[in-house]
PDB file of N, CA and C in Angstrom:
ATOM      1  N   MET A   1      14.660  25.058  19.953  1.00  0.00           N
ATOM      2  CA  MET A   1      14.495  23.676  19.548  1.00  0.00           C
ATOM      3  C   MET A   1      13.180  23.160  20.128  1.00  0.00           C
ATOM      4  N   ASP A   2      12.377  22.534  19.294  1.00  0.00           N
ATOM      5  CA  ASP A   2      11.132  21.926  19.740  1.00  0.00           C
ATOM      6  C   ASP A   2      11.407  20.516  20.248  1.00  0.00           C
ATOM      7  N   ILE A   3      10.707  20.155  21.286  1.00  0.00           N
ATOM      8  CA  ILE A   3      10.800  18.813  21.853  1.00  0.00           C
ATOM      9  C   ILE A   3       9.562  18.039  21.426  1.00  0.00           C
ATOM     10  N   LYS A   4       9.763  16.839  20.881  1.00  0.00           N
ATOM     11  CA  LYS A   4       8.644  15.965  20.541  1.00  0.00           C
ATOM     12  C   LYS A   4       8.284  15.158  21.794  1.00  0.00           C
ATOM     13  N   LEU A   5       6.995  14.975  22.011  1.00  0.00           N
ATOM     14  CA  LEU A   5       6.528  14.227  23.174  1.00  0.00           C
ATOM     15  C   LEU A   5       5.847  12.944  22.719  1.00  0.00           C
ATOM     16  N   PHE A   6       6.257  11.808  23.311  1.00  0.00           N
ATOM     17  CA  PHE A   6       5.699  10.501  22.967  1.00  0.00           C
ATOM     18  C   PHE A   6       5.198   9.836  24.246  1.00  0.00           C
ATOM     19  N   THR A   7       3.990   9.286  24.220  1.00  0.00           N
ATOM     20  CA  THR A   7       3.481   8.572  25.387  1.00  0.00           C
ATOM     21  C   THR A   7       3.930   7.112  25.404  1.00  0.00           C
ATOM     22  N   VAL A   8       4.495   6.640  24.313  1.00  0.00           N
ATOM     23  CA  VAL A   8       4.976   5.252  24.255  1.00  0.00           C
ATOM     24  C   VAL A   8       6.267   5.120  25.060  1.00  0.00           C
ATOM     25  N   ASP A   9       6.514   3.910  25.596  1.00  0.00           N
ATOM     26  CA  ASP A   9       7.716   3.672  26.395  1.00  0.00           C
ATOM     27  C   ASP A   9       8.949   3.389  25.542  1.00  0.00           C
ATOM     28  N   TYR A  10       8.755   3.179  24.263  1.00  0.00           N
ATOM     29  CA  TYR A  10       9.868   2.937  23.360  1.00  0.00           C
ATOM     30  C   TYR A  10       9.490   3.460  21.989  1.00  0.00           C
ATOM     31  N   LEU A  11      10.491   3.682  21.180  1.00  0.00           N
ATOM     32  CA  LEU A  11      10.254   4.141  19.805  1.00  0.00           C
ATOM     33  C   LEU A  11      10.386   2.958  18.864  1.00  0.00           C
ATOM     34  N   PRO A  12       9.715   3.007  17.716  1.00  0.00           N
ATOM     35  CA  PRO A  12       9.839   1.906  16.739  1.00  0.00           C
ATOM     36  C   PRO A  12      11.296   1.690  16.329  1.00  0.00           C
ATOM     37  N   SER A  13      11.603   0.496  15.911  1.00  0.00           N
ATOM     38  CA  SER A  13      12.984   0.159  15.540  1.00  0.00           C
ATOM     39  C   SER A  13      13.494   0.990  14.367  1.00  0.00           C
ATOM     40  N   SER A  14      12.581   1.633  13.634  1.00  0.00           N
ATOM     41  CA  SER A  14      13.003   2.479  12.517  1.00  0.00           C
ATOM     42  C   SER A  14      13.632   3.787  13.011  1.00  0.00           C
ATOM     43  N   TYR A  15      13.454   4.106  14.294  1.00  0.00           N
ATOM     44  CA  TYR A  15      14.048   5.311  14.882  1.00  0.00           C
ATOM     45  C   TYR A  15      15.442   4.987  15.405  1.00  0.00           C
ATOM     46  N   ASN A  16      16.387   5.869  15.139  1.00  0.00           N
ATOM     47  CA  ASN A  16      17.717   5.767  15.716  1.00  0.00           C
ATOM     48  C   ASN A  16      17.778   6.826  16.810  1.00  0.00           C
ATOM     49  N   TYR A  17      17.949   6.411  18.064  1.00  0.00           N
ATOM     50  CA  TYR A  17      17.918   7.376  19.157  1.00  0.00           C
ATOM     51  C   TYR A  17      18.890   6.992  20.273  1.00  0.00           C
ATOM     52  N   GLU A  18      19.189   7.988  21.101  1.00  0.00           N
ATOM     53  CA  GLU A  18      20.073   7.819  22.244  1.00  0.00           C
ATOM     54  C   GLU A  18      19.295   8.200  23.510  1.00  0.00           C
ATOM     55  N   LEU A  19      19.293   7.305  24.495  1.00  0.00           N
ATOM     56  CA  LEU A  19      18.621   7.582  25.763  1.00  0.00           C
ATOM     57  C   LEU A  19      19.492   8.502  26.617  1.00  0.00           C
ATOM     58  N   LEU A  20      18.889   9.539  27.193  1.00  0.00           N
ATOM     59  CA  LEU A  20      19.624  10.464  28.050  1.00  0.00           C
ATOM     60  C   LEU A  20      19.271  10.324  29.524  1.00  0.00           C
ATOM     61  N   GLY A  21      18.084   9.852  29.832  1.00  0.00           N
ATOM     62  CA  GLY A  21      17.697   9.648  31.225  1.00  0.00           C
ATOM     63  C   GLY A  21      16.369  10.278  31.585  1.00  0.00           C
ATOM     64  N   LEU A  22      15.999  10.102  32.843  1.00  0.00           N
ATOM     65  CA  LEU A  22      14.733  10.583  33.370  1.00  0.00           C
ATOM     66  C   LEU A  22      14.712  12.105  33.442  1.00  0.00           C
ATOM     67  N   VAL A  23      13.588  12.681  33.033  1.00  0.00           N
ATOM     68  CA  VAL A  23      13.345  14.115  33.209  1.00  0.00           C
ATOM     69  C   VAL A  23      11.980  14.267  33.857  1.00  0.00           C
ATOM     70  N   LYS A  24      11.834  15.320  34.640  1.00  0.00           N
ATOM     71  CA  LYS A  24      10.575  15.517  35.343  1.00  0.00           C
ATOM     72  C   LYS A  24      10.303  16.997  35.530  1.00  0.00           C
ATOM     73  N   GLY A  25       9.059  17.279  35.802  1.00  0.00           N
ATOM     74  CA  GLY A  25       8.646  18.623  36.158  1.00  0.00           C
ATOM     75  C   GLY A  25       7.495  18.488  37.119  1.00  0.00           C
ATOM     76  N   ASN A  26       7.478  19.309  38.162  1.00  0.00           N
ATOM     77  CA  ASN A  26       6.363  19.232  39.090  1.00  0.00           C
ATOM     78  C   ASN A  26       5.966  20.613  39.582  1.00  0.00           C
ATOM     79  N   VAL A  27       4.767  20.679  40.121  1.00  0.00           N
ATOM     80  CA  VAL A  27       4.238  21.926  40.668  1.00  0.00           C
ATOM     81  C   VAL A  27       3.189  21.576  41.717  1.00  0.00           C
ATOM     82  N   ALA A  28       3.160  22.373  42.786  1.00  0.00           N
ATOM     83  CA  ALA A  28       2.075  22.282  43.769  1.00  0.00           C
ATOM     84  C   ALA A  28       1.207  23.516  43.539  1.00  0.00           C
ATOM     85  N   GLN A  29      -0.039  23.284  43.199  1.00  0.00           N
ATOM     86  CA  GLN A  29      -0.938  24.363  42.771  1.00  0.00           C
ATOM     87  C   GLN A  29      -2.121  24.461  43.732  1.00  0.00           C
ATOM     88  N   ALA A  30      -2.527  25.697  44.044  1.00  0.00           N
ATOM     89  CA  ALA A  30      -3.689  25.930  44.906  1.00  0.00           C
ATOM     90  C   ALA A  30      -4.590  26.976  44.268  1.00  0.00           C
ATOM     91  N   LYS A  31      -5.864  26.888  44.569  1.00  0.00           N
ATOM     92  CA  LYS A  31      -6.831  27.894  44.126  1.00  0.00           C
ATOM     93  C   LYS A  31      -7.056  28.881  45.258  1.00  0.00           C
ATOM     94  N   HIS A  32      -7.476  30.075  44.914  1.00  0.00           N
ATOM     95  CA  HIS A  32      -7.722  31.069  45.959  1.00  0.00           C
ATOM     96  C   HIS A  32      -8.972  30.725  46.763  1.00  0.00           C
ATOM     97  N   ILE A  33      -9.094  31.295  47.921  1.00  0.00           N
ATOM     98  CA  ILE A  33     -10.132  30.940  48.882  1.00  0.00           C
ATOM     99  C   ILE A  33     -11.552  31.042  48.314  1.00  0.00           C
ATOM    100  N   GLY A  34     -11.806  32.039  47.457  1.00  0.00           N
ATOM    101  CA  GLY A  34     -13.144  32.193  46.872  1.00  0.00           C
ATOM    102  C   GLY A  34     -13.551  30.986  46.060  1.00  0.00           C
ATOM    103  N   LYS A  35     -12.656  30.505  45.215  1.00  0.00           N
ATOM    104  CA  LYS A  35     -12.973  29.327  44.397  1.00  0.00           C
ATOM    105  C   LYS A  35     -13.042  28.081  45.265  1.00  0.00           C
ATOM    106  N   ASP A  36     -12.245  28.045  46.336  1.00  0.00           N
ATOM    107  CA  ASP A  36     -12.264  26.906  47.232  1.00  0.00           C
ATOM    108  C   ASP A  36     -13.622  26.810  47.942  1.00  0.00           C
ATOM    109  N   LEU A  37     -14.171  27.944  48.327  1.00  0.00           N
ATOM    110  CA  LEU A  37     -15.491  27.957  48.970  1.00  0.00           C
ATOM    111  C   LEU A  37     -16.581  27.500  48.007  1.00  0.00           C
ATOM    112  N   LEU A  38     -16.503  27.974  46.763  1.00  0.00           N
ATOM    113  CA  LEU A  38     -17.487  27.554  45.757  1.00  0.00           C
ATOM    114  C   LEU A  38     -17.376  26.057  45.480  1.00  0.00           C
ATOM    115  N   ALA A  39     -16.135  25.547  45.480  1.00  0.00           N
ATOM    116  CA  ALA A  39     -15.929  24.112  45.263  1.00  0.00           C
ATOM    117  C   ALA A  39     -16.540  23.315  46.405  1.00  0.00           C
ATOM    118  N   GLY A  40     -16.462  23.839  47.618  1.00  0.00           N
ATOM    119  CA  GLY A  40     -17.063  23.170  48.767  1.00  0.00           C
ATOM    120  C   GLY A  40     -18.570  23.018  48.616  1.00  0.00           C
ATOM    121  N   LEU A  41     -19.199  24.004  48.004  1.00  0.00           N
ATOM    122  CA  LEU A  41     -20.643  23.928  47.768  1.00  0.00           C
ATOM    123  C   LEU A  41     -20.987  22.814  46.776  1.00  0.00           C
ATOM    124  N   LYS A  42     -20.094  22.558  45.836  1.00  0.00           N
ATOM    125  CA  LYS A  42     -20.320  21.482  44.851  1.00  0.00           C
ATOM    126  C   LYS A  42     -20.387  20.125  45.544  1.00  0.00           C
ATOM    127  N   ASN A  43     -19.687  19.987  46.683  1.00  0.00           N
ATOM    128  CA  ASN A  43     -19.748  18.723  47.421  1.00  0.00           C
ATOM    129  C   ASN A  43     -21.162  18.427  47.886  1.00  0.00           C
ATOM    130  N   ILE A  44     -21.944  19.473  48.097  1.00  0.00           N
ATOM    131  CA  ILE A  44     -23.311  19.300  48.579  1.00  0.00           C
ATOM    132  C   ILE A  44     -24.248  18.912  47.431  1.00  0.00           C
ATOM    133  N   VAL A  45     -24.135  19.632  46.303  1.00  0.00           N
ATOM    134  CA  VAL A  45     -25.070  19.421  45.192  1.00  0.00           C
ATOM    135  C   VAL A  45     -24.542  18.460  44.132  1.00  0.00           C
ATOM    136  N   GLY A  46     -23.249  18.206  44.125  1.00  0.00           N
ATOM    137  CA  GLY A  46     -22.652  17.302  43.149  1.00  0.00           C
ATOM    138  C   GLY A  46     -22.322  17.994  41.840  1.00  0.00           C
ATOM    139  N   GLY A  47     -21.645  17.291  40.957  1.00  0.00           N
ATOM    140  CA  GLY A  47     -21.261  17.821  39.650  1.00  0.00           C
ATOM    141  C   GLY A  47     -19.774  18.129  39.582  1.00  0.00           C
ATOM    142  N   GLU A  48     -19.359  18.542  38.416  1.00  0.00           N
ATOM    143  CA  GLU A  48     -17.944  18.859  38.180  1.00  0.00           C
ATOM    144  C   GLU A  48     -17.550  20.101  38.974  1.00  0.00           C
ATOM    145  N   VAL A  49     -16.384  20.031  39.577  1.00  0.00           N
ATOM    146  CA  VAL A  49     -15.827  21.171  40.289  1.00  0.00           C
ATOM    147  C   VAL A  49     -14.895  21.872  39.304  1.00  0.00           C
ATOM    148  N   GLU A  50     -15.467  22.783  38.518  1.00  0.00           N
ATOM    149  CA  GLU A  50     -14.748  23.399  37.409  1.00  0.00           C
ATOM    150  C   GLU A  50     -13.491  24.144  37.848  1.00  0.00           C
ATOM    151  N   GLY A  51     -13.532  24.767  39.011  1.00  0.00           N
ATOM    152  CA  GLY A  51     -12.352  25.469  39.512  1.00  0.00           C
ATOM    153  C   GLY A  51     -11.170  24.537  39.700  1.00  0.00           C
ATOM    154  N   TYR A  52     -11.443  23.332  40.220  1.00  0.00           N
ATOM    155  CA  TYR A  52     -10.372  22.362  40.412  1.00  0.00           C
ATOM    156  C   TYR A  52      -9.930  21.734  39.093  1.00  0.00           C
ATOM    157  N   THR A  53     -10.863  21.526  38.186  1.00  0.00           N
ATOM    158  CA  THR A  53     -10.491  21.029  36.856  1.00  0.00           C
ATOM    159  C   THR A  53      -9.537  22.013  36.189  1.00  0.00           C
ATOM    160  N   GLU A  54      -9.877  23.288  36.272  1.00  0.00           N
ATOM    161  CA  GLU A  54      -9.018  24.341  35.720  1.00  0.00           C
ATOM    162  C   GLU A  54      -7.648  24.334  36.400  1.00  0.00           C
ATOM    163  N   MET A  55      -7.632  24.182  37.734  1.00  0.00           N
ATOM    164  CA  MET A  55      -6.381  24.164  38.480  1.00  0.00           C
ATOM    165  C   MET A  55      -5.494  22.996  38.049  1.00  0.00           C
ATOM    166  N   ILE A  56      -6.094  21.809  37.896  1.00  0.00           N
ATOM    167  CA  ILE A  56      -5.323  20.621  37.491  1.00  0.00           C
ATOM    168  C   ILE A  56      -4.761  20.797  36.083  1.00  0.00           C
ATOM    169  N   ASN A  57      -5.564  21.319  35.157  1.00  0.00           N
ATOM    170  CA  ASN A  57      -5.080  21.542  33.795  1.00  0.00           C
ATOM    171  C   ASN A  57      -3.931  22.536  33.772  1.00  0.00           C
ATOM    172  N   GLU A  58      -4.057  23.591  34.561  1.00  0.00           N
ATOM    173  CA  GLU A  58      -2.997  24.592  34.652  1.00  0.00           C
ATOM    174  C   GLU A  58      -1.728  23.971  35.240  1.00  0.00           C
ATOM    175  N   ALA A  59      -1.885  23.188  36.292  1.00  0.00           N
ATOM    176  CA  ALA A  59      -0.740  22.536  36.921  1.00  0.00           C
ATOM    177  C   ALA A  59      -0.064  21.557  35.968  1.00  0.00           C
ATOM    178  N   ARG A  60      -0.859  20.815  35.183  1.00  0.00           N
ATOM    179  CA  ARG A  60      -0.294  19.859  34.219  1.00  0.00           C
ATOM    180  C   ARG A  60       0.532  20.585  33.164  1.00  0.00           C
ATOM    181  N   GLU A  61       0.046  21.729  32.696  1.00  0.00           N
ATOM    182  CA  GLU A  61       0.795  22.520  31.710  1.00  0.00           C
ATOM    183  C   GLU A  61       2.112  23.009  32.284  1.00  0.00           C
ATOM    184  N   ILE A  62       2.101  23.494  33.513  1.00  0.00           N
ATOM    185  CA  ILE A  62       3.331  23.978  34.152  1.00  0.00           C
ATOM    186  C   ILE A  62       4.321  22.830  34.332  1.00  0.00           C
ATOM    187  N   ALA A  63       3.845  21.685  34.827  1.00  0.00           N
ATOM    188  CA  ALA A  63       4.713  20.524  35.030  1.00  0.00           C
ATOM    189  C   ALA A  63       5.316  20.052  33.710  1.00  0.00           C
ATOM    190  N   THR A  64       4.513  20.048  32.639  1.00  0.00           N
ATOM    191  CA  THR A  64       5.005  19.640  31.320  1.00  0.00           C
ATOM    192  C   THR A  64       6.093  20.592  30.833  1.00  0.00           C
ATOM    193  N   LYS A  65       5.873  21.893  30.972  1.00  0.00           N
ATOM    194  CA  LYS A  65       6.881  22.873  30.556  1.00  0.00           C
ATOM    195  C   LYS A  65       8.182  22.686  31.321  1.00  0.00           C
ATOM    196  N   ARG A  66       8.096  22.425  32.609  1.00  0.00           N
ATOM    197  CA  ARG A  66       9.302  22.217  33.419  1.00  0.00           C
ATOM    198  C   ARG A  66      10.033  20.949  33.008  1.00  0.00           C
ATOM    199  N   MET A  67       9.283  19.890  32.673  1.00  0.00           N
ATOM    200  CA  MET A  67       9.897  18.653  32.199  1.00  0.00           C
ATOM    201  C   MET A  67      10.625  18.895  30.876  1.00  0.00           C
ATOM    202  N   ILE A  68       9.992  19.642  29.984  1.00  0.00           N
ATOM    203  CA  ILE A  68      10.600  19.952  28.685  1.00  0.00           C
ATOM    204  C   ILE A  68      11.870  20.762  28.871  1.00  0.00           C
ATOM    205  N   GLU A  69      11.853  21.736  29.769  1.00  0.00           N
ATOM    206  CA  GLU A  69      13.047  22.551  30.030  1.00  0.00           C
ATOM    207  C   GLU A  69      14.200  21.691  30.543  1.00  0.00           C
ATOM    208  N   GLU A  70      13.899  20.727  31.411  1.00  0.00           N
ATOM    209  CA  GLU A  70      14.930  19.827  31.916  1.00  0.00           C
ATOM    210  C   GLU A  70      15.505  18.979  30.783  1.00  0.00           C
ATOM    211  N   ALA A  71      14.646  18.524  29.873  1.00  0.00           N
ATOM    212  CA  ALA A  71      15.105  17.729  28.725  1.00  0.00           C
ATOM    213  C   ALA A  71      15.995  18.562  27.804  1.00  0.00           C
ATOM    214  N   LYS A  72      15.622  19.825  27.585  1.00  0.00           N
ATOM    215  CA  LYS A  72      16.428  20.705  26.742  1.00  0.00           C
ATOM    216  C   LYS A  72      17.825  20.900  27.318  1.00  0.00           C
ATOM    217  N   LYS A  73      17.917  21.001  28.645  1.00  0.00           N
ATOM    218  CA  LYS A  73      19.225  21.165  29.300  1.00  0.00           C
ATOM    219  C   LYS A  73      20.128  19.963  29.051  1.00  0.00           C
ATOM    220  N   LEU A  74      19.518  18.795  28.838  1.00  0.00           N
ATOM    221  CA  LEU A  74      20.296  17.581  28.541  1.00  0.00           C
ATOM    222  C   LEU A  74      20.629  17.466  27.050  1.00  0.00           C
ATOM    223  N   GLY A  75      20.048  18.351  26.236  1.00  0.00           N
ATOM    224  CA  GLY A  75      20.272  18.293  24.794  1.00  0.00           C
ATOM    225  C   GLY A  75      19.292  17.398  24.065  1.00  0.00           C
ATOM    226  N   ALA A  76      18.212  17.020  24.712  1.00  0.00           N
ATOM    227  CA  ALA A  76      17.226  16.130  24.105  1.00  0.00           C
ATOM    228  C   ALA A  76      16.396  16.853  23.056  1.00  0.00           C
ATOM    229  N   ASN A  77      15.876  16.080  22.113  1.00  0.00           N
ATOM    230  CA  ASN A  77      14.916  16.637  21.156  1.00  0.00           C
ATOM    231  C   ASN A  77      13.583  15.896  21.213  1.00  0.00           C
ATOM    232  N   ALA A  78      13.457  14.962  22.194  1.00  0.00           N
ATOM    233  CA  ALA A  78      12.203  14.239  22.391  1.00  0.00           C
ATOM    234  C   ALA A  78      12.164  13.671  23.801  1.00  0.00           C
ATOM    235  N   ILE A  79      10.950  13.379  24.238  1.00  0.00           N
ATOM    236  CA  ILE A  79      10.731  12.701  25.522  1.00  0.00           C
ATOM    237  C   ILE A  79       9.773  11.551  25.252  1.00  0.00           C
ATOM    238  N   ILE A  80      10.159  10.345  25.699  1.00  0.00           N
ATOM    239  CA  ILE A  80       9.293   9.184  25.513  1.00  0.00           C
ATOM    240  C   ILE A  80       8.772   8.705  26.873  1.00  0.00           C
ATOM    241  N   GLY A  81       7.706   7.914  26.837  1.00  0.00           N
ATOM    242  CA  GLY A  81       7.158   7.316  28.047  1.00  0.00           C
ATOM    243  C   GLY A  81       6.634   8.337  29.034  1.00  0.00           C
ATOM    244  N   ILE A  82       5.962   9.361  28.542  1.00  0.00           N
ATOM    245  CA  ILE A  82       5.481  10.431  29.419  1.00  0.00           C
ATOM    246  C   ILE A  82       4.323   9.945  30.279  1.00  0.00           C
ATOM    247  N   ASN A  83       4.425  10.263  31.554  1.00  0.00           N
ATOM    248  CA  ASN A  83       3.375   9.931  32.523  1.00  0.00           C
ATOM    249  C   ASN A  83       3.092  11.144  33.389  1.00  0.00           C
ATOM    250  N   TYR A  84       1.896  11.186  33.932  1.00  0.00           N
ATOM    251  CA  TYR A  84       1.498  12.238  34.863  1.00  0.00           C
ATOM    252  C   TYR A  84       0.968  11.582  36.126  1.00  0.00           C
ATOM    253  N   SER A  85       1.228  12.226  37.246  1.00  0.00           N
ATOM    254  CA  SER A  85       0.709  11.762  38.515  1.00  0.00           C
ATOM    255  C   SER A  85       0.293  12.978  39.326  1.00  0.00           C
ATOM    256  N   SER A  86      -0.702  12.814  40.161  1.00  0.00           N
ATOM    257  CA  SER A  86      -1.111  13.926  41.013  1.00  0.00           C
ATOM    258  C   SER A  86      -1.446  13.413  42.400  1.00  0.00           C
ATOM    259  N   SER A  87      -1.318  14.302  43.364  1.00  0.00           N
ATOM    260  CA  SER A  87      -1.683  13.958  44.731  1.00  0.00           C
ATOM    261  C   SER A  87      -2.075  15.227  45.467  1.00  0.00           C
ATOM    262  N   SER A  88      -2.873  15.051  46.472  1.00  0.00           N
ATOM    263  CA  SER A  88      -3.280  16.170  47.309  1.00  0.00           C
ATOM    264  C   SER A  88      -2.221  16.340  48.392  1.00  0.00           C
ATOM    265  N   VAL A  89      -1.641  17.537  48.493  1.00  0.00           N
ATOM    266  CA  VAL A  89      -0.610  17.758  49.497  1.00  0.00           C
ATOM    267  C   VAL A  89      -1.168  18.465  50.729  1.00  0.00           C
ATOM    268  N   MET A  90      -2.309  19.123  50.575  1.00  0.00           N
ATOM    269  CA  MET A  90      -3.050  19.727  51.682  1.00  0.00           C
ATOM    270  C   MET A  90      -4.398  20.172  51.145  1.00  0.00           C
ATOM    271  N   GLU A  91      -5.285  20.592  51.997  1.00  0.00           N
ATOM    272  CA  GLU A  91      -6.624  21.022  51.580  1.00  0.00           C
ATOM    273  C   GLU A  91      -6.541  22.071  50.473  1.00  0.00           C
ATOM    274  N   GLY A  92      -7.121  21.773  49.314  1.00  0.00           N
ATOM    275  CA  GLY A  92      -7.164  22.742  48.221  1.00  0.00           C
ATOM    276  C   GLY A  92      -5.880  22.870  47.425  1.00  0.00           C
ATOM    277  N   THR A  93      -4.877  22.050  47.717  1.00  0.00           N
ATOM    278  CA  THR A  93      -3.589  22.113  47.013  1.00  0.00           C
ATOM    279  C   THR A  93      -3.262  20.747  46.434  1.00  0.00           C
ATOM    280  N   THR A  94      -2.918  20.737  45.163  1.00  0.00           N
ATOM    281  CA  THR A  94      -2.595  19.500  44.467  1.00  0.00           C
ATOM    282  C   THR A  94      -1.212  19.599  43.845  1.00  0.00           C
ATOM    283  N   GLU A  95      -0.447  18.519  43.948  1.00  0.00           N
ATOM    284  CA  GLU A  95       0.836  18.444  43.260  1.00  0.00           C
ATOM    285  C   GLU A  95       0.635  17.626  41.996  1.00  0.00           C
ATOM    286  N   VAL A  96       1.192  18.100  40.893  1.00  0.00           N
ATOM    287  CA  VAL A  96       1.186  17.357  39.637  1.00  0.00           C
ATOM    288  C   VAL A  96       2.636  17.175  39.221  1.00  0.00           C
ATOM    289  N   ILE A  97       2.978  15.950  38.851  1.00  0.00           N
ATOM    290  CA  ILE A  97       4.321  15.670  38.351  1.00  0.00           C
ATOM    291  C   ILE A  97       4.198  15.052  36.960  1.00  0.00           C
ATOM    292  N   ALA A  98       5.051  15.517  36.055  1.00  0.00           N
ATOM    293  CA  ALA A  98       5.162  14.953  34.711  1.00  0.00           C
ATOM    294  C   ALA A  98       6.568  14.364  34.618  1.00  0.00           C
ATOM    295  N   TYR A  99       6.671  13.156  34.058  1.00  0.00           N
ATOM    296  CA  TYR A  99       7.984  12.548  33.926  1.00  0.00           C
ATOM    297  C   TYR A  99       8.055  11.648  32.712  1.00  0.00           C
ATOM    298  N   GLY A 100       9.263  11.483  32.208  1.00  0.00           N
ATOM    299  CA  GLY A 100       9.490  10.661  31.040  1.00  0.00           C
ATOM    300  C   GLY A 100      10.972  10.476  30.826  1.00  0.00           C
ATOM    301  N   THR A 101      11.342   9.885  29.713  1.00  0.00           N
ATOM    302  CA  THR A 101      12.742   9.634  29.381  1.00  0.00           C
ATOM    303  C   THR A 101      13.162  10.560  28.245  1.00  0.00           C
ATOM    304  N   ALA A 102      14.193  11.355  28.504  1.00  0.00           N
ATOM    305  CA  ALA A 102      14.736  12.249  27.495  1.00  0.00           C
ATOM    306  C   ALA A 102      15.569  11.451  26.487  1.00  0.00           C
ATOM    307  N   VAL A 103      15.384  11.744  25.204  1.00  0.00           N
ATOM    308  CA  VAL A 103      16.137  11.064  24.158  1.00  0.00           C
ATOM    309  C   VAL A 103      16.577  12.064  23.100  1.00  0.00           C
ATOM    310  N   ILE A 104      17.583  11.643  22.340  1.00  0.00           N
ATOM    311  CA  ILE A 104      17.962  12.372  21.131  1.00  0.00           C
ATOM    312  C   ILE A 104      17.602  11.468  19.970  1.00  0.00           C
ATOM    313  N   ILE A 105      16.672  11.917  19.141  1.00  0.00           N
ATOM    314  CA  ILE A 105      16.329  11.172  17.937  1.00  0.00           C
ATOM    315  C   ILE A 105      17.258  11.667  16.844  1.00  0.00           C
ATOM    316  N   LYS A 106      17.986  10.716  16.250  1.00  0.00           N
ATOM    317  CA  LYS A 106      18.988  11.081  15.233  1.00  0.00           C
ATOM    318  C   LYS A 106      18.409  10.987  13.839  1.00  0.00           C
TER     319      LYS A 106
END
């Protein structure tokens, strides 16, 4: 079953749906020491830290998949009000959380 993802906090009145509750997925992701050292050099010269951009994108994908799996366990076929948050949990490690409301669109 495919899950539809909506960034809106509610669905239009033309939708008939049942709210199931909050679903979330999170991951703490780190890059290996080599990329961390290269990222440190970027602090000196400036510019995008591509290794960390890649890490965040990878973490967001993992968190999204985990959120979808949690919604599937509830029998949902959609998630509304999707949000992402991230924080640094230690040097070179970032946590990403994805969360939203699981629904059944009828």
